[in-house]
Amino acid sequence: MKGATRHRGGLPPALTIIISVSGIAAAVIAAYFLVSTTQRASKQCVLVLTGVPYYDTVSHKLYFTVRNDGTTACDLSSVIAVLGGQEATCKGGTTSLAPGDSTSFSCTFTNPPSGVKDGDKVAIQTPTTTLTASVSTP
């Protein structure tokens, strides 16, 4: 057979197709993972303290405002403040804070923390997160 040449070392067409399909499948799986992770991460409640929490040393009340910077409602059914090792249940606002909304709370300490001064740390606990900040006093 004159003119016919045989090539060795090339990939068979079936193997080329299998490699191509595998590469496309891997790219689709990676894209799905990125999209689903981004969607899950972006649908969250993000509470932010607006301003500085204020502790009145005479009435033993703590006042603060929170804003929801997230994309889903925040559960505020139970809000507790911890200052100087003492806990207080906070009242006010709403039990569910919609995205973009703000609400204010006041917390009365039945066992007041002693010696609270400017800059002392307060922890504000909600069902989904704990916020920490420095308090302001008179």
C-alpha atoms as a PDB file:
ATOM      1  CA  MET A   1       0.000   0.000   0.000  1.00  0.00           C
ATOM      2  CA  LYS A   2       1.761   2.860  -1.345  1.00  0.00           C
ATOM      3  CA  GLY A   3       0.963   6.276   0.044  1.00  0.00           C
ATOM      4  CA  ALA A   4      -0.711   5.010   3.203  1.00  0.00           C
ATOM      5  CA  THR A   5       1.077   6.010   6.354  1.00  0.00           C
ATOM      6  CA  ARG A   6       0.425   4.811   9.828  1.00  0.00           C
ATOM      7  CA  HIS A   7       0.622   7.249  12.743  1.00  0.00           C
ATOM      8  CA  ARG A   8       1.590   5.952  16.153  1.00  0.00           C
ATOM      9  CA  GLY A   9       1.209   7.697  19.525  1.00  0.00           C
ATOM     10  CA  GLY A  10      -1.942   9.709  18.807  1.00  0.00           C
ATOM     11  CA  LEU A  11      -5.020   9.609  21.047  1.00  0.00           C
ATOM     12  CA  PRO A  12      -7.923   7.540  19.826  1.00  0.00           C
ATOM     13  CA  PRO A  13     -11.045   9.637  19.130  1.00  0.00           C
ATOM     14  CA  ALA A  14     -13.043   7.897  21.889  1.00  0.00           C
ATOM     15  CA  LEU A  15     -10.434   8.830  24.512  1.00  0.00           C
ATOM     16  CA  THR A  16     -10.391  12.436  23.300  1.00  0.00           C
ATOM     17  CA  ILE A  17     -14.178  12.615  23.695  1.00  0.00           C
ATOM     18  CA  ILE A  18     -14.039  11.089  27.206  1.00  0.00           C
ATOM     19  CA  ILE A  19     -11.387  13.609  28.319  1.00  0.00           C
ATOM     20  CA  SER A  20     -13.368  16.532  26.864  1.00  0.00           C
ATOM     21  CA  VAL A  21     -16.640  15.450  28.503  1.00  0.00           C
ATOM     22  CA  SER A  22     -14.852  14.944  31.844  1.00  0.00           C
ATOM     23  CA  GLY A  23     -13.387  18.448  31.668  1.00  0.00           C
ATOM     24  CA  ILE A  24     -16.784  19.978  30.898  1.00  0.00           C
ATOM     25  CA  ALA A  25     -18.410  18.024  33.750  1.00  0.00           C
ATOM     26  CA  ALA A  26     -15.725  19.207  36.192  1.00  0.00           C
ATOM     27  CA  ALA A  27     -16.275  22.823  35.107  1.00  0.00           C
ATOM     28  CA  VAL A  28     -20.062  22.500  35.568  1.00  0.00           C
ATOM     29  CA  ILE A  29     -19.629  21.006  39.059  1.00  0.00           C
ATOM     30  CA  ALA A  30     -17.212  23.787  40.053  1.00  0.00           C
ATOM     31  CA  ALA A  31     -19.581  26.478  38.741  1.00  0.00           C
ATOM     32  CA  TYR A  32     -22.524  24.945  40.631  1.00  0.00           C
ATOM     33  CA  PHE A  33     -20.468  24.865  43.840  1.00  0.00           C
ATOM     34  CA  LEU A  34     -19.498  28.542  43.474  1.00  0.00           C
ATOM     35  CA  VAL A  35     -23.055  29.677  42.729  1.00  0.00           C
ATOM     36  CA  SER A  36     -24.676  27.658  45.524  1.00  0.00           C
ATOM     37  CA  THR A  37     -22.061  28.732  48.088  1.00  0.00           C
ATOM     38  CA  THR A  38     -22.481  32.385  47.143  1.00  0.00           C
ATOM     39  CA  GLN A  39     -26.268  32.161  47.406  1.00  0.00           C
ATOM     40  CA  ARG A  40     -26.089  30.513  50.825  1.00  0.00           C
ATOM     41  CA  ALA A  41     -23.539  33.023  52.107  1.00  0.00           C
ATOM     42  CA  SER A  42     -25.485  36.029  50.856  1.00  0.00           C
ATOM     43  CA  LYS A  43     -28.745  34.960  52.544  1.00  0.00           C
ATOM     44  CA  GLN A  44     -27.770  35.763  56.099  1.00  0.00           C
ATOM     45  CA  CYS A  45     -28.744  37.989  58.965  1.00  0.00           C
ATOM     46  CA  VAL A  46     -25.983  40.514  59.690  1.00  0.00           C
ATOM     47  CA  LEU A  47     -26.558  42.533  62.864  1.00  0.00           C
ATOM     48  CA  VAL A  48     -24.574  45.735  63.357  1.00  0.00           C
ATOM     49  CA  LEU A  49     -24.581  48.064  66.351  1.00  0.00           C
ATOM     50  CA  THR A  50     -25.314  51.628  65.312  1.00  0.00           C
ATOM     51  CA  GLY A  51     -23.665  54.151  67.545  1.00  0.00           C
ATOM     52  CA  VAL A  52     -22.204  53.326  70.941  1.00  0.00           C
ATOM     53  CA  PRO A  53     -24.151  51.414  73.612  1.00  0.00           C
ATOM     54  CA  TYR A  54     -24.919  53.760  76.529  1.00  0.00           C
ATOM     55  CA  TYR A  55     -24.988  52.554  80.147  1.00  0.00           C
ATOM     56  CA  ASP A  56     -26.744  54.812  82.671  1.00  0.00           C
ATOM     57  CA  THR A  57     -24.951  54.282  85.988  1.00  0.00           C
ATOM     58  CA  VAL A  58     -27.903  55.707  87.972  1.00  0.00           C
ATOM     59  CA  SER A  59     -30.804  53.704  86.494  1.00  0.00           C
ATOM     60  CA  HIS A  60     -28.543  50.720  85.648  1.00  0.00           C
ATOM     61  CA  LYS A  61     -29.970  50.558  82.133  1.00  0.00           C
ATOM     62  CA  LEU A  62     -28.139  49.843  78.908  1.00  0.00           C
ATOM     63  CA  TYR A  63     -29.415  51.392  75.668  1.00  0.00           C
ATOM     64  CA  PHE A  64     -28.378  50.385  72.162  1.00  0.00           C
ATOM     65  CA  THR A  65     -29.615  50.219  68.574  1.00  0.00           C
ATOM     66  CA  VAL A  66     -29.003  47.453  66.046  1.00  0.00           C
ATOM     67  CA  ARG A  67     -29.416  47.410  62.270  1.00  0.00           C
ATOM     68  CA  ASN A  68     -29.814  44.394  59.986  1.00  0.00           C
ATOM     69  CA  ASP A  69     -27.295  44.727  57.146  1.00  0.00           C
ATOM     70  CA  GLY A  70     -28.040  41.192  55.925  1.00  0.00           C
ATOM     71  CA  THR A  71     -30.430  39.858  53.317  1.00  0.00           C
ATOM     72  CA  THR A  72     -32.758  37.854  55.591  1.00  0.00           C
ATOM     73  CA  ALA A  73     -34.657  38.712  58.759  1.00  0.00           C
ATOM     74  CA  CYS A  74     -32.810  38.507  62.100  1.00  0.00           C
ATOM     75  CA  ASP A  75     -34.323  36.648  65.047  1.00  0.00           C
ATOM     76  CA  LEU A  76     -34.432  38.990  68.054  1.00  0.00           C
ATOM     77  CA  SER A  77     -36.834  36.937  70.158  1.00  0.00           C
ATOM     78  CA  SER A  78     -34.298  36.758  72.984  1.00  0.00           C
ATOM     79  CA  VAL A  79     -31.727  39.517  73.542  1.00  0.00           C
ATOM     80  CA  ILE A  80     -29.395  39.455  76.544  1.00  0.00           C
ATOM     81  CA  ALA A  81     -26.661  41.922  77.510  1.00  0.00           C
ATOM     82  CA  VAL A  82     -23.669  40.925  79.623  1.00  0.00           C
ATOM     83  CA  LEU A  83     -21.739  43.757  81.280  1.00  0.00           C
ATOM     84  CA  GLY A  84     -19.299  43.450  84.159  1.00  0.00           C
ATOM     85  CA  GLY A  85     -20.201  39.782  84.593  1.00  0.00           C
ATOM     86  CA  GLN A  86     -23.912  40.563  85.074  1.00  0.00           C
ATOM     87  CA  GLU A  87     -26.750  39.646  82.689  1.00  0.00           C
ATOM     88  CA  ALA A  88     -29.789  41.673  81.724  1.00  0.00           C
ATOM     89  CA  THR A  89     -32.738  40.762  79.523  1.00  0.00           C
ATOM     90  CA  CYS A  90     -33.334  43.431  76.906  1.00  0.00           C
ATOM     91  CA  LYS A  91     -36.724  44.750  75.823  1.00  0.00           C
ATOM     92  CA  GLY A  92     -37.984  46.836  72.978  1.00  0.00           C
ATOM     93  CA  GLY A  93     -37.793  46.669  69.289  1.00  0.00           C
ATOM     94  CA  THR A  94     -39.179  43.681  67.499  1.00  0.00           C
ATOM     95  CA  THR A  95     -38.735  39.909  67.553  1.00  0.00           C
ATOM     96  CA  SER A  96     -37.848  39.790  63.848  1.00  0.00           C
ATOM     97  CA  LEU A  97     -35.790  42.530  62.190  1.00  0.00           C
ATOM     98  CA  ALA A  98     -36.191  42.841  58.418  1.00  0.00           C
ATOM     99  CA  PRO A  99     -33.182  43.556  56.167  1.00  0.00           C
ATOM    100  CA  GLY A 100     -32.241  47.244  56.276  1.00  0.00           C
ATOM    101  CA  ASP A 101     -34.323  47.983  59.390  1.00  0.00           C
ATOM    102  CA  SER A 102     -33.118  49.214  62.787  1.00  0.00           C
ATOM    103  CA  THR A 103     -34.525  48.814  66.283  1.00  0.00           C
ATOM    104  CA  SER A 104     -33.589  49.995  69.771  1.00  0.00           C
ATOM    105  CA  PHE A 105     -33.371  48.089  73.045  1.00  0.00           C
ATOM    106  CA  SER A 106     -33.121  48.903  76.732  1.00  0.00           C
ATOM    107  CA  CYS A 107     -31.746  46.425  79.251  1.00  0.00           C
ATOM    108  CA  THR A 108     -32.300  46.743  82.995  1.00  0.00           C
ATOM    109  CA  PHE A 109     -29.763  45.055  85.260  1.00  0.00           C
ATOM    110  CA  THR A 110     -31.442  43.624  88.384  1.00  0.00           C
ATOM    111  CA  ASN A 111     -27.969  42.938  89.805  1.00  0.00           C
ATOM    112  CA  PRO A 112     -26.107  46.008  88.532  1.00  0.00           C
ATOM    113  CA  PRO A 113     -22.468  45.606  87.573  1.00  0.00           C
ATOM    114  CA  SER A 114     -20.223  47.701  89.786  1.00  0.00           C
ATOM    115  CA  GLY A 115     -17.711  50.291  88.661  1.00  0.00           C
ATOM    116  CA  VAL A 116     -18.755  50.444  85.003  1.00  0.00           C
ATOM    117  CA  LYS A 117     -16.822  53.130  83.146  1.00  0.00           C
ATOM    118  CA  ASP A 118     -16.335  54.361  79.593  1.00  0.00           C
ATOM    119  CA  GLY A 119     -14.770  51.709  77.400  1.00  0.00           C
ATOM    120  CA  ASP A 120     -15.904  48.670  79.397  1.00  0.00           C
ATOM    121  CA  LYS A 121     -16.943  45.803  77.129  1.00  0.00           C
ATOM    122  CA  VAL A 122     -20.535  44.667  76.737  1.00  0.00           C
ATOM    123  CA  ALA A 123     -21.646  41.485  74.977  1.00  0.00           C
ATOM    124  CA  ILE A 124     -25.078  41.535  73.344  1.00  0.00           C
ATOM    125  CA  GLN A 125     -26.374  38.032  72.657  1.00  0.00           C
ATOM    126  CA  THR A 126     -29.168  37.172  70.221  1.00  0.00           C
ATOM    127  CA  PRO A 127     -30.319  33.719  69.067  1.00  0.00           C
ATOM    128  CA  THR A 128     -28.029  33.974  66.025  1.00  0.00           C
ATOM    129  CA  THR A 129     -25.039  36.103  67.022  1.00  0.00           C
ATOM    130  CA  THR A 130     -23.103  37.854  69.761  1.00  0.00           C
ATOM    131  CA  LEU A 131     -22.063  41.477  69.325  1.00  0.00           C
ATOM    132  CA  THR A 132     -19.363  43.095  71.449  1.00  0.00           C
ATOM    133  CA  ALA A 133     -18.730  46.785  71.949  1.00  0.00           C
ATOM    134  CA  SER A 134     -17.397  49.349  74.375  1.00  0.00           C
ATOM    135  CA  VAL A 135     -19.992  51.214  76.436  1.00  0.00           C
ATOM    136  CA  SER A 136     -20.317  54.918  77.021  1.00  0.00           C
ATOM    137  CA  THR A 137     -21.250  56.187  80.489  1.00  0.00           C
ATOM    138  CA  PRO A 138     -22.256  59.611  81.851  1.00  0.00           C
END
